[in-house]
N, C-alpha and C. Protein backbone atom coordinates (compact mmCIF):
# COMPACT_ATOMS: atom_id res chain seq x y z
N ILE A 1 -87.16 -78.29 -131.80
CA ILE A 1 -87.00 -78.09 -130.36
C ILE A 1 -85.61 -77.51 -130.07
N LYS A 2 -84.61 -78.09 -130.74
CA LYS A 2 -83.25 -77.60 -130.54
C LYS A 2 -83.14 -76.15 -131.00
N ARG A 3 -83.76 -75.84 -132.14
CA ARG A 3 -83.70 -74.49 -132.69
C ARG A 3 -84.33 -73.51 -131.67
N ALA A 4 -85.41 -73.90 -131.03
CA ALA A 4 -86.08 -73.05 -130.04
C ALA A 4 -85.14 -72.79 -128.85
N ARG A 5 -84.43 -73.84 -128.43
CA ARG A 5 -83.45 -73.68 -127.32
C ARG A 5 -82.36 -72.71 -127.71
N GLN A 6 -81.86 -72.85 -128.93
CA GLN A 6 -80.78 -71.98 -129.39
C GLN A 6 -81.26 -70.53 -129.47
N ASN A 7 -82.47 -70.34 -130.00
CA ASN A 7 -83.02 -68.99 -130.12
C ASN A 7 -83.18 -68.33 -128.76
N LYS A 8 -83.60 -69.12 -127.76
CA LYS A 8 -83.76 -68.56 -126.42
C LYS A 8 -82.41 -68.09 -125.86
N LYS A 9 -81.37 -68.92 -126.05
CA LYS A 9 -80.03 -68.55 -125.57
C LYS A 9 -79.55 -67.27 -126.26
N ARG A 10 -79.77 -67.21 -127.59
CA ARG A 10 -79.30 -66.05 -128.33
C ARG A 10 -80.07 -64.80 -127.95
N ARG A 11 -81.37 -64.95 -127.70
CA ARG A 11 -82.20 -63.80 -127.34
C ARG A 11 -81.72 -63.22 -126.03
N VAL A 12 -81.45 -64.08 -125.06
CA VAL A 12 -80.97 -63.62 -123.75
C VAL A 12 -79.62 -62.94 -123.89
N ARG A 13 -78.72 -63.54 -124.67
CA ARG A 13 -77.39 -62.94 -124.86
C ARG A 13 -77.48 -61.60 -125.58
N ASN A 14 -78.30 -61.55 -126.64
CA ASN A 14 -78.45 -60.32 -127.40
C ASN A 14 -79.05 -59.23 -126.54
N ALA A 15 -80.03 -59.57 -125.72
CA ALA A 15 -80.67 -58.57 -124.84
C ALA A 15 -79.63 -58.00 -123.88
N HIS A 16 -78.79 -58.87 -123.33
CA HIS A 16 -77.77 -58.41 -122.39
C HIS A 16 -76.78 -57.46 -123.08
N VAL A 17 -76.33 -57.84 -124.27
CA VAL A 17 -75.39 -57.00 -124.99
C VAL A 17 -76.03 -55.65 -125.33
N LYS A 18 -77.28 -55.68 -125.79
CA LYS A 18 -77.96 -54.43 -126.18
C LYS A 18 -78.14 -53.49 -125.01
N THR A 19 -78.54 -54.04 -123.85
CA THR A 19 -78.74 -53.17 -122.68
C THR A 19 -77.42 -52.61 -122.19
N THR A 20 -76.37 -53.41 -122.25
CA THR A 20 -75.04 -52.94 -121.82
C THR A 20 -74.60 -51.79 -122.73
N VAL A 21 -74.76 -51.95 -124.02
CA VAL A 21 -74.38 -50.90 -124.96
C VAL A 21 -75.23 -49.67 -124.72
N ALA A 22 -76.53 -49.85 -124.54
CA ALA A 22 -77.45 -48.71 -124.32
C ALA A 22 -77.05 -47.93 -123.07
N THR A 23 -76.65 -48.62 -122.02
CA THR A 23 -76.24 -47.95 -120.79
C THR A 23 -75.01 -47.08 -121.03
N HIS A 24 -74.03 -47.63 -121.76
CA HIS A 24 -72.81 -46.86 -122.00
C HIS A 24 -73.04 -45.69 -122.96
N VAL A 25 -73.92 -45.91 -123.94
CA VAL A 25 -74.27 -44.82 -124.86
C VAL A 25 -74.95 -43.69 -124.07
N LYS A 26 -75.81 -44.07 -123.16
CA LYS A 26 -76.52 -43.08 -122.33
C LYS A 26 -75.52 -42.26 -121.50
N LYS A 27 -74.51 -42.92 -120.96
CA LYS A 27 -73.49 -42.22 -120.16
C LYS A 27 -72.76 -41.18 -121.02
N VAL A 28 -72.47 -41.54 -122.27
CA VAL A 28 -71.81 -40.59 -123.17
C VAL A 28 -72.72 -39.39 -123.43
N ARG A 29 -74.00 -39.68 -123.72
CA ARG A 29 -74.94 -38.60 -124.02
C ARG A 29 -75.15 -37.67 -122.84
N LEU A 30 -75.22 -38.27 -121.63
CA LEU A 30 -75.39 -37.42 -120.43
C LEU A 30 -74.17 -36.52 -120.24
N ALA A 31 -72.98 -37.07 -120.46
CA ALA A 31 -71.77 -36.26 -120.32
C ALA A 31 -71.74 -35.13 -121.35
N ILE A 32 -72.22 -35.42 -122.54
CA ILE A 32 -72.29 -34.39 -123.59
C ILE A 32 -73.26 -33.29 -123.17
N GLU A 33 -74.41 -33.69 -122.63
CA GLU A 33 -75.44 -32.71 -122.18
C GLU A 33 -74.87 -31.81 -121.08
N LYS A 34 -74.08 -32.40 -120.17
CA LYS A 34 -73.50 -31.63 -119.06
C LYS A 34 -72.29 -30.81 -119.49
N LYS A 35 -71.90 -30.94 -120.75
CA LYS A 35 -70.71 -30.26 -121.29
C LYS A 35 -69.44 -30.70 -120.58
N ASP A 36 -69.41 -31.97 -120.13
CA ASP A 36 -68.27 -32.55 -119.45
C ASP A 36 -67.37 -33.22 -120.49
N ILE A 37 -66.39 -32.49 -120.99
CA ILE A 37 -65.56 -33.01 -122.07
C ILE A 37 -64.78 -34.25 -121.66
N GLU A 38 -64.13 -34.17 -120.51
CA GLU A 38 -63.30 -35.30 -120.06
C GLU A 38 -64.14 -36.55 -119.80
N GLY A 39 -65.27 -36.34 -119.13
CA GLY A 39 -66.18 -37.47 -118.85
C GLY A 39 -66.73 -38.08 -120.11
N ALA A 40 -67.04 -37.23 -121.10
CA ALA A 40 -67.58 -37.73 -122.35
C ALA A 40 -66.54 -38.54 -123.10
N GLN A 41 -65.29 -38.09 -123.07
CA GLN A 41 -64.23 -38.83 -123.77
C GLN A 41 -64.00 -40.21 -123.11
N LYS A 42 -64.02 -40.24 -121.80
CA LYS A 42 -63.82 -41.50 -121.09
C LYS A 42 -64.99 -42.46 -121.38
N ALA A 43 -66.19 -41.93 -121.33
CA ALA A 43 -67.37 -42.75 -121.58
C ALA A 43 -67.37 -43.26 -123.03
N LEU A 44 -66.95 -42.41 -123.95
CA LEU A 44 -66.87 -42.82 -125.37
C LEU A 44 -65.83 -43.93 -125.54
N ALA A 45 -64.70 -43.81 -124.84
CA ALA A 45 -63.65 -44.82 -124.93
C ALA A 45 -64.14 -46.19 -124.45
N LYS A 46 -65.10 -46.18 -123.51
CA LYS A 46 -65.65 -47.46 -123.03
C LYS A 46 -66.77 -47.95 -123.95
N ALA A 47 -67.52 -47.04 -124.54
CA ALA A 47 -68.68 -47.41 -125.34
C ALA A 47 -68.29 -47.99 -126.70
N VAL A 48 -67.28 -47.40 -127.32
CA VAL A 48 -66.92 -47.82 -128.69
C VAL A 48 -66.53 -49.30 -128.78
N PRO A 49 -65.65 -49.81 -127.90
CA PRO A 49 -65.34 -51.24 -127.98
C PRO A 49 -66.55 -52.14 -127.76
N LEU A 50 -67.46 -51.70 -126.88
CA LEU A 50 -68.66 -52.51 -126.65
C LEU A 50 -69.52 -52.57 -127.90
N ILE A 51 -69.63 -51.45 -128.60
CA ILE A 51 -70.42 -51.40 -129.84
C ILE A 51 -69.75 -52.29 -130.89
N HIS A 52 -68.41 -52.23 -130.99
CA HIS A 52 -67.69 -53.08 -131.92
C HIS A 52 -67.90 -54.56 -131.58
N ARG A 53 -67.88 -54.88 -130.30
CA ARG A 53 -68.05 -56.26 -129.88
C ARG A 53 -69.46 -56.76 -130.21
N ALA A 54 -70.45 -55.87 -130.02
CA ALA A 54 -71.83 -56.24 -130.37
C ALA A 54 -71.94 -56.50 -131.87
N ARG A 55 -71.20 -55.74 -132.66
CA ARG A 55 -71.19 -55.95 -134.12
C ARG A 55 -70.58 -57.29 -134.45
N SER A 56 -69.45 -57.61 -133.83
CA SER A 56 -68.77 -58.86 -134.16
C SER A 56 -69.56 -60.08 -133.72
N LYS A 57 -70.38 -59.94 -132.69
CA LYS A 57 -71.23 -61.04 -132.24
C LYS A 57 -72.49 -61.18 -133.09
N GLY A 58 -72.75 -60.17 -133.94
CA GLY A 58 -73.93 -60.25 -134.79
C GLY A 58 -75.17 -59.66 -134.16
N VAL A 59 -74.99 -58.94 -133.05
CA VAL A 59 -76.15 -58.32 -132.37
C VAL A 59 -76.59 -57.09 -133.17
N PHE A 60 -75.63 -56.30 -133.65
CA PHE A 60 -75.92 -55.12 -134.45
C PHE A 60 -75.47 -55.35 -135.90
N HIS A 61 -76.16 -54.72 -136.81
CA HIS A 61 -75.72 -54.70 -138.21
C HIS A 61 -74.51 -53.78 -138.29
N LYS A 62 -73.68 -54.03 -139.28
CA LYS A 62 -72.45 -53.24 -139.48
C LYS A 62 -72.73 -51.75 -139.54
N ASN A 63 -73.73 -51.35 -140.30
CA ASN A 63 -74.03 -49.93 -140.46
C ASN A 63 -74.61 -49.32 -139.18
N THR A 64 -75.35 -50.11 -138.42
CA THR A 64 -75.91 -49.63 -137.17
C THR A 64 -74.80 -49.27 -136.18
N SER A 65 -73.83 -50.16 -136.08
CA SER A 65 -72.74 -49.88 -135.15
C SER A 65 -71.91 -48.69 -135.65
N ALA A 66 -71.69 -48.59 -136.93
CA ALA A 66 -70.94 -47.46 -137.47
C ALA A 66 -71.67 -46.16 -137.21
N ARG A 67 -72.99 -46.17 -137.38
CA ARG A 67 -73.80 -44.98 -137.16
C ARG A 67 -73.76 -44.54 -135.71
N LYS A 68 -73.90 -45.51 -134.79
CA LYS A 68 -73.87 -45.18 -133.35
C LYS A 68 -72.53 -44.56 -132.98
N ILE A 69 -71.44 -45.18 -133.41
CA ILE A 69 -70.10 -44.68 -133.08
C ILE A 69 -69.91 -43.28 -133.68
N SER A 70 -70.34 -43.13 -134.92
CA SER A 70 -70.17 -41.84 -135.59
C SER A 70 -70.90 -40.73 -134.87
N ARG A 71 -72.14 -40.98 -134.50
CA ARG A 71 -72.93 -39.94 -133.82
C ARG A 71 -72.36 -39.58 -132.47
N LEU A 72 -71.93 -40.58 -131.71
CA LEU A 72 -71.35 -40.31 -130.42
C LEU A 72 -70.05 -39.53 -130.54
N THR A 73 -69.22 -39.93 -131.49
CA THR A 73 -67.94 -39.26 -131.71
C THR A 73 -68.15 -37.81 -132.14
N ARG A 74 -69.12 -37.59 -133.03
CA ARG A 74 -69.43 -36.23 -133.47
C ARG A 74 -69.86 -35.37 -132.28
N GLY A 75 -70.67 -35.94 -131.40
CA GLY A 75 -71.12 -35.20 -130.22
C GLY A 75 -69.99 -34.80 -129.31
N VAL A 76 -69.06 -35.76 -129.09
CA VAL A 76 -67.91 -35.47 -128.22
C VAL A 76 -67.01 -34.45 -128.87
N ASN A 77 -66.75 -34.59 -130.19
CA ASN A 77 -65.89 -33.64 -130.89
C ASN A 77 -66.50 -32.23 -130.93
N ALA A 78 -67.82 -32.15 -130.95
CA ALA A 78 -68.49 -30.84 -130.95
C ALA A 78 -68.24 -30.11 -129.62
N LEU A 79 -68.08 -30.89 -128.55
CA LEU A 79 -67.78 -30.27 -127.25
C LEU A 79 -66.39 -29.62 -127.27
N LYS A 80 -65.45 -30.30 -127.90
CA LYS A 80 -64.08 -29.79 -127.95
C LYS A 80 -64.02 -28.47 -128.71
N ALA A 81 -64.80 -28.38 -129.78
CA ALA A 81 -64.74 -27.21 -130.67
C ALA A 81 -65.35 -25.97 -130.05
């Protein structure tokens, strides 16, 4: 019973973290699509710490967070070039 209670708490917390990260990732991608370099950089600066935090809380696997950050960074850097 206690385990079920703990799982429910964790599921709610993980869902919140995942949706928050997804929202910020979406903002970065939209800025990249619009070719808004400054907006993309600002959005990336907000998204990266959130992804790191999700990793440290155990919501994302280490490689998943690294992959997400890498892809977003590559997209923003491609705009600069």
